[in-house]
C-alpha atoms as a PDB file:
ATOM      1  CA  MET A   1      -5.146   1.228 -12.068  1.00  0.00           C
ATOM      2  CA  LEU A   2      -1.824   1.690 -10.278  1.00  0.00           C
ATOM      3  CA  ALA A   3      -0.898   2.056  -6.636  1.00  0.00           C
ATOM      4  CA  TYR A   4       2.103   3.937  -5.360  1.00  0.00           C
ATOM      5  CA  VAL A   5       2.798   2.133  -2.079  1.00  0.00           C
ATOM      6  CA  PHE A   6       4.855   3.956   0.551  1.00  0.00           C
ATOM      7  CA  TRP A   7       6.115   2.180   3.661  1.00  0.00           C
ATOM      8  CA  HIS A   8       7.322   4.506   6.404  1.00  0.00           C
ATOM      9  CA  TRP A   9       8.131   4.498  10.089  1.00  0.00           C
ATOM     10  CA  ARG A  10       8.239   7.072  12.818  1.00  0.00           C
ATOM     11  CA  ARG A  11      11.189   8.471  14.695  1.00  0.00           C
ATOM     12  CA  PRO A  12      11.620   7.015  18.205  1.00  0.00           C
ATOM     13  CA  ASP A  13      10.753  10.381  19.789  1.00  0.00           C
ATOM     14  CA  ALA A  14       7.472  10.657  17.838  1.00  0.00           C
ATOM     15  CA  GLY A  15       4.535   9.014  19.598  1.00  0.00           C
ATOM     16  CA  ALA A  16       2.283   6.765  17.530  1.00  0.00           C
ATOM     17  CA  GLU A  17      -0.851   8.835  18.220  1.00  0.00           C
ATOM     18  CA  ARG A  18       0.775  12.075  17.030  1.00  0.00           C
ATOM     19  CA  TYR A  19       2.409  10.361  14.046  1.00  0.00           C
ATOM     20  CA  GLU A  20      -0.894   8.887  12.908  1.00  0.00           C
ATOM     21  CA  GLU A  21      -2.715  12.203  13.339  1.00  0.00           C
ATOM     22  CA  LEU A  22      -0.137  13.928  11.136  1.00  0.00           C
ATOM     23  CA  GLN A  23      -0.542  11.180   8.531  1.00  0.00           C
ATOM     24  CA  ARG A  24      -4.326  11.654   8.552  1.00  0.00           C
ATOM     25  CA  ARG A  25      -3.946  15.433   8.107  1.00  0.00           C
ATOM     26  CA  PHE A  26      -1.826  14.855   5.021  1.00  0.00           C
ATOM     27  CA  HIS A  27      -4.325  12.391   3.518  1.00  0.00           C
ATOM     28  CA  VAL A  28      -7.182  14.832   4.231  1.00  0.00           C
ATOM     29  CA  ALA A  29      -5.272  17.657   2.491  1.00  0.00           C
ATOM     30  CA  LEU A  30      -4.500  15.429  -0.495  1.00  0.00           C
ATOM     31  CA  ARG A  31      -8.138  14.378  -0.829  1.00  0.00           C
ATOM     32  CA  ALA A  32      -9.342  17.993  -0.533  1.00  0.00           C
ATOM     33  CA  ALA A  33      -7.084  19.142  -3.379  1.00  0.00           C
ATOM     34  CA  SER A  34      -6.460  16.033  -5.465  1.00  0.00           C
ATOM     35  CA  PRO A  35      -4.171  16.107  -8.494  1.00  0.00           C
ATOM     36  CA  ALA A  36      -5.241  14.859 -11.917  1.00  0.00           C
ATOM     37  CA  GLY A  37      -5.543  11.078 -12.054  1.00  0.00           C
ATOM     38  CA  PHE A  38      -5.599  10.610  -8.267  1.00  0.00           C
ATOM     39  CA  LEU A  39      -8.340   8.233  -7.096  1.00  0.00           C
ATOM     40  CA  SER A  40      -7.873   7.705  -3.355  1.00  0.00           C
ATOM     41  CA  SER A  41      -5.429   7.004  -0.558  1.00  0.00           C
ATOM     42  CA  ARG A  42      -5.314   4.939   2.601  1.00  0.00           C
ATOM     43  CA  SER A  43      -2.884   4.271   5.408  1.00  0.00           C
ATOM     44  CA  ALA A  44      -2.489   1.338   7.794  1.00  0.00           C
ATOM     45  CA  ALA A  45      -0.226   0.427  10.674  1.00  0.00           C
ATOM     46  CA  MET A  46       1.543  -2.909  10.399  1.00  0.00           C
ATOM     47  CA  VAL A  47       4.190  -5.190  11.858  1.00  0.00           C
ATOM     48  CA  GLY A  48       6.001  -8.000  10.069  1.00  0.00           C
ATOM     49  CA  ALA A  49       7.066  -6.653   6.674  1.00  0.00           C
ATOM     50  CA  PRO A  50      10.787  -7.442   6.378  1.00  0.00           C
ATOM     51  CA  TRP A  51      11.221  -4.693   3.753  1.00  0.00           C
ATOM     52  CA  ALA A  52       9.773  -1.986   6.058  1.00  0.00           C
ATOM     53  CA  ARG A  53      11.965  -1.237   9.067  1.00  0.00           C
ATOM     54  CA  GLY A  54      13.123  -4.840   9.198  1.00  0.00           C
ATOM     55  CA  GLY A  55       9.664  -6.105  10.170  1.00  0.00           C
ATOM     56  CA  ALA A  56       9.196  -3.758  13.132  1.00  0.00           C
ATOM     57  CA  GLU A  57       6.240  -1.376  13.505  1.00  0.00           C
ATOM     58  CA  ALA A  58       5.714   0.582  10.298  1.00  0.00           C
ATOM     59  CA  TYR A  59       2.974   2.102   8.162  1.00  0.00           C
ATOM     60  CA  GLU A  60       1.788   1.307   4.666  1.00  0.00           C
ATOM     61  CA  ASP A  61       0.186   4.022   2.527  1.00  0.00           C
ATOM     62  CA  TRP A  62      -1.524   3.208  -0.759  1.00  0.00           C
ATOM     63  CA  TYR A  63      -2.075   6.020  -3.269  1.00  0.00           C
ATOM     64  CA  LEU A  64      -4.368   4.807  -6.064  1.00  0.00           C
ATOM     65  CA  VAL A  65      -4.043   6.531  -9.423  1.00  0.00           C
ATOM     66  CA  GLU A  66      -5.623   6.007 -12.823  1.00  0.00           C
ATOM     67  CA  ASN A  67      -2.376   5.257 -14.636  1.00  0.00           C
ATOM     68  CA  SER A  68       1.337   6.055 -14.827  1.00  0.00           C
ATOM     69  CA  ALA A  69       0.609   9.523 -16.233  1.00  0.00           C
ATOM     70  CA  ALA A  70      -0.895  10.392 -12.826  1.00  0.00           C
ATOM     71  CA  LEU A  71       2.343   9.697 -10.930  1.00  0.00           C
ATOM     72  CA  ASP A  72       4.072  13.010 -11.739  1.00  0.00           C
ATOM     73  CA  PRO A  73       1.047  15.110 -10.694  1.00  0.00           C
ATOM     74  CA  LEU A  74       0.771  13.095  -7.464  1.00  0.00           C
ATOM     75  CA  ASN A  75       4.464  13.559  -6.712  1.00  0.00           C
ATOM     76  CA  ASP A  76       4.271  17.317  -7.346  1.00  0.00           C
ATOM     77  CA  ALA A  77       0.975  17.786  -5.502  1.00  0.00           C
ATOM     78  CA  ALA A  78       2.153  16.002  -2.349  1.00  0.00           C
ATOM     79  CA  VAL A  79       4.673  18.744  -1.565  1.00  0.00           C
ATOM     80  CA  THR A  80       3.012  21.909  -2.876  1.00  0.00           C
ATOM     81  CA  ALA A  81       0.127  24.289  -2.205  1.00  0.00           C
ATOM     82  CA  SER A  82      -2.355  23.309   0.526  1.00  0.00           C
ATOM     83  CA  ARG A  83      -0.709  19.892   0.902  1.00  0.00           C
ATOM     84  CA  GLN A  84       2.819  21.147   1.605  1.00  0.00           C
ATOM     85  CA  ALA A  85       2.464  21.989   5.317  1.00  0.00           C
ATOM     86  CA  PRO A  86       0.701  18.694   6.213  1.00  0.00           C
ATOM     87  CA  HIS A  87       3.256  16.756   4.164  1.00  0.00           C
ATOM     88  CA  ASP A  88       6.207  18.520   5.773  1.00  0.00           C
ATOM     89  CA  ALA A  89       4.786  18.038   9.286  1.00  0.00           C
ATOM     90  CA  ALA A  90       4.313  14.296   8.696  1.00  0.00           C
ATOM     91  CA  ALA A  91       7.739  13.939   7.069  1.00  0.00           C
ATOM     92  CA  ALA A  92       9.407  15.712   9.990  1.00  0.00           C
ATOM     93  CA  VAL A  93       8.500  12.876  12.380  1.00  0.00           C
ATOM     94  CA  ALA A  94       9.294  10.055   9.964  1.00  0.00           C
ATOM     95  CA  GLU A  95      12.546   8.200  10.458  1.00  0.00           C
ATOM     96  CA  GLY A  96      12.612   6.467   7.086  1.00  0.00           C
ATOM     97  CA  GLY A  97      10.687   4.988   4.223  1.00  0.00           C
ATOM     98  CA  THR A  98      10.706   3.012   1.008  1.00  0.00           C
ATOM     99  CA  ALA A  99       8.201   2.580  -1.807  1.00  0.00           C
ATOM    100  CA  GLY A 100       6.958   0.439  -4.675  1.00  0.00           C
ATOM    101  CA  LEU A 101       4.624   0.574  -7.650  1.00  0.00           C
ATOM    102  CA  TYR A 102       1.835  -1.998  -8.056  1.00  0.00           C
ATOM    103  CA  ARG A 103      -0.825  -2.636 -10.735  1.00  0.00           C
ATOM    104  CA  LEU A 104      -4.256  -4.076  -9.980  1.00  0.00           C
ATOM    105  CA  ARG A 105      -4.475  -7.480 -11.695  1.00  0.00           C
ATOM    106  CA  LEU A 106      -7.594  -9.124 -10.240  1.00  0.00           C
ATOM    107  CA  GLY A 107     -10.590  -7.899  -8.262  1.00  0.00           C
ATOM    108  CA  ASP A 108     -11.393  -4.417  -7.062  1.00  0.00           C
ATOM    109  CA  PRO A 109      -9.521  -2.267  -4.551  1.00  0.00           C
ATOM    110  CA  VAL A 110     -10.474  -3.039  -0.959  1.00  0.00           C
ATOM    111  CA  ASP A 111     -11.517   0.143   0.864  1.00  0.00           C
ATOM    112  CA  ASP A 112     -10.361  -0.986   4.290  1.00  0.00           C
ATOM    113  CA  PRO A 113      -8.071  -4.004   3.988  1.00  0.00           C
ATOM    114  CA  ARG A 114      -7.199  -5.764   7.235  1.00  0.00           C
ATOM    115  CA  ALA A 115      -4.812  -8.315   5.749  1.00  0.00           C
ATOM    116  CA  GLY A 116      -2.092  -8.224   3.143  1.00  0.00           C
ATOM    117  CA  VAL A 117      -0.754 -11.528   1.838  1.00  0.00           C
ATOM    118  CA  TRP A 118       2.568 -10.897   0.110  1.00  0.00           C
ATOM    119  CA  PHE A 119       4.188 -13.510  -2.125  1.00  0.00           C
ATOM    120  CA  SER A 120       6.271 -14.135  -5.208  1.00  0.00           C
ATOM    121  CA  LYS A 121       5.277 -16.179  -8.219  1.00  0.00           C
ATOM    122  CA  PRO A 122       6.324 -19.802  -7.640  1.00  0.00           C
ATOM    123  CA  ALA A 123       9.213 -20.925  -9.852  1.00  0.00           C
ATOM    124  CA  GLY A 124       8.010 -22.521 -13.065  1.00  0.00           C
ATOM    125  CA  MET A 125       4.444 -21.176 -12.762  1.00  0.00           C
ATOM    126  CA  SER A 126       3.250 -18.942 -15.594  1.00  0.00           C
ATOM    127  CA  TYR A 127       1.393 -15.726 -14.890  1.00  0.00           C
ATOM    128  CA  ALA A 128      -1.656 -17.135 -16.689  1.00  0.00           C
ATOM    129  CA  VAL A 129      -1.716 -20.164 -14.365  1.00  0.00           C
ATOM    130  CA  LEU A 130      -1.190 -17.947 -11.302  1.00  0.00           C
ATOM    131  CA  TYR A 131      -4.046 -15.615 -12.249  1.00  0.00           C
ATOM    132  CA  GLY A 132      -6.282 -18.578 -13.108  1.00  0.00           C
ATOM    133  CA  ALA A 133      -5.584 -20.251  -9.775  1.00  0.00           C
ATOM    134  CA  LEU A 134      -6.223 -17.096  -7.748  1.00  0.00           C
ATOM    135  CA  GLU A 135      -9.193 -15.624  -9.653  1.00  0.00           C
ATOM    136  CA  PRO A 136     -11.874 -17.675  -7.822  1.00  0.00           C
ATOM    137  CA  LEU A 137     -10.267 -16.942  -4.457  1.00  0.00           C
ATOM    138  CA  VAL A 138     -10.084 -13.204  -5.191  1.00  0.00           C
ATOM    139  CA  ARG A 139     -13.695 -13.169  -6.416  1.00  0.00           C
ATOM    140  CA  ASP A 140     -15.088 -15.131  -3.460  1.00  0.00           C
ATOM    141  CA  ALA A 141     -13.186 -13.087  -0.864  1.00  0.00           C
ATOM    142  CA  ARG A 142     -13.903  -9.766  -2.608  1.00  0.00           C
ATOM    143  CA  ALA A 143     -10.163  -9.201  -2.543  1.00  0.00           C
ATOM    144  CA  ALA A 144      -7.682  -7.376  -4.758  1.00  0.00           C
ATOM    145  CA  LEU A 145      -4.548  -8.851  -6.305  1.00  0.00           C
ATOM    146  CA  TRP A 146      -1.788  -6.328  -6.974  1.00  0.00           C
ATOM    147  CA  CYS A 147       1.404  -7.033  -8.941  1.00  0.00           C
ATOM    148  CA  ARG A 148       4.640  -5.061  -8.583  1.00  0.00           C
ATOM    149  CA  GLN A 149       5.637  -3.173 -11.711  1.00  0.00           C
ATOM    150  CA  MET A 150       9.099  -3.109 -13.281  1.00  0.00           C
ATOM    151  CA  VAL A 151      10.636  -4.449 -10.039  1.00  0.00           C
ATOM    152  CA  LEU A 152      10.085  -1.017  -8.508  1.00  0.00           C
ATOM    153  CA  GLY A 153      10.062  -1.588  -4.781  1.00  0.00           C
ATOM    154  CA  PRO A 154      11.454  -3.811  -2.054  1.00  0.00           C
ATOM    155  CA  GLY A 155       8.343  -5.882  -1.388  1.00  0.00           C
ATOM    156  CA  PRO A 156       7.438  -9.227  -2.953  1.00  0.00           C
ATOM    157  CA  GLU A 157       5.949  -9.320  -6.439  1.00  0.00           C
ATOM    158  CA  PHE A 158       2.308  -9.778  -5.376  1.00  0.00           C
ATOM    159  CA  CYS A 159      -0.005  -8.489  -2.671  1.00  0.00           C
ATOM    160  CA  LEU A 160      -3.441  -9.961  -2.081  1.00  0.00           C
ATOM    161  CA  GLN A 161      -5.490  -7.539   0.020  1.00  0.00           C
ATOM    162  CA  SER A 162      -8.707  -8.411   1.764  1.00  0.00           C
ATOM    163  CA  ARG A 163     -10.819  -7.619   4.804  1.00  0.00           C
ATOM    164  CA  GLU A 164     -10.043 -11.029   6.289  1.00  0.00           C
ATOM    165  CA  SER A 165      -7.098 -13.423   6.201  1.00  0.00           C
ATOM    166  CA  ILE A 166      -6.863 -15.526   3.044  1.00  0.00           C
ATOM    167  CA  LYS A 167      -4.926 -18.783   2.914  1.00  0.00           C
ATOM    168  CA  LEU A 168      -3.236 -19.486  -0.397  1.00  0.00           C
ATOM    169  CA  PRO A 169      -2.838 -23.082  -1.566  1.00  0.00           C
ATOM    170  CA  ALA A 170       0.502 -24.788  -2.204  1.00  0.00           C
ATOM    171  CA  PRO A 171       2.928 -23.989  -3.792  1.00  0.00           C
ATOM    172  CA  PHE A 172       2.568 -20.346  -2.652  1.00  0.00           C
ATOM    173  CA  THR A 173       4.870 -19.191   0.137  1.00  0.00           C
ATOM    174  CA  VAL A 174       3.439 -16.089   1.792  1.00  0.00           C
ATOM    175  CA  CYS A 175       4.179 -13.343   4.264  1.00  0.00           C
ATOM    176  CA  GLU A 176       0.842 -12.429   5.830  1.00  0.00           C
ATOM    177  CA  ILE A 177       0.685  -8.997   7.443  1.00  0.00           C
ATOM    178  CA  PRO A 178      -2.294  -7.863   9.549  1.00  0.00           C
ATOM    179  CA  LEU A 179      -3.260  -4.228   8.980  1.00  0.00           C
ATOM    180  CA  ARG A 180      -4.808  -1.675  11.343  1.00  0.00           C
ATOM    181  CA  GLY A 181      -6.463   1.171   9.476  1.00  0.00           C
ATOM    182  CA  VAL A 182      -5.167   4.687  10.134  1.00  0.00           C
ATOM    183  CA  TRP A 183      -6.793   6.520   7.185  1.00  0.00           C
ATOM    184  CA  PRO A 184      -9.580   6.744   6.348  1.00  0.00           C
ATOM    185  CA  LEU A 185     -11.132   6.159   9.740  1.00  0.00           C
END
């Protein structure tokens, strides 16, 4: 499973309530007429991600797809047919955005994550050791560990999503970002 992750932020003249409503309308339209390979989407408000508007208020959308073959249909579907008007309305009040591609490595996707713990693999640690160290934590917290693919995106290499804050042991250095759900409600 892959996730196309899109960080975006609103124009100063666009109120948060209106911006979030337009985002929800787009996600509703995408769910109502989903492209091949699309599984689900979600959106959350956040503050503190240095790669999204320099850490100021921003939004994080996750578009879950079966595999990389589903990325082209998702890209085309987002801006065509019944999804075009909601997409264009939401894009019109956005000031900027950036994106990344992540693969699920441990656990199951969290329907309504409230915390994202972002980190890079510690120097000298193998991926096998990293996954072994985090597997019990992911299992016990019913969390999901995502890993950036092909260095596509500005965020750190890993994101551990959960419903509650998770503290990682040394030697992990993390950027923990609280999330407020916008879609689905």
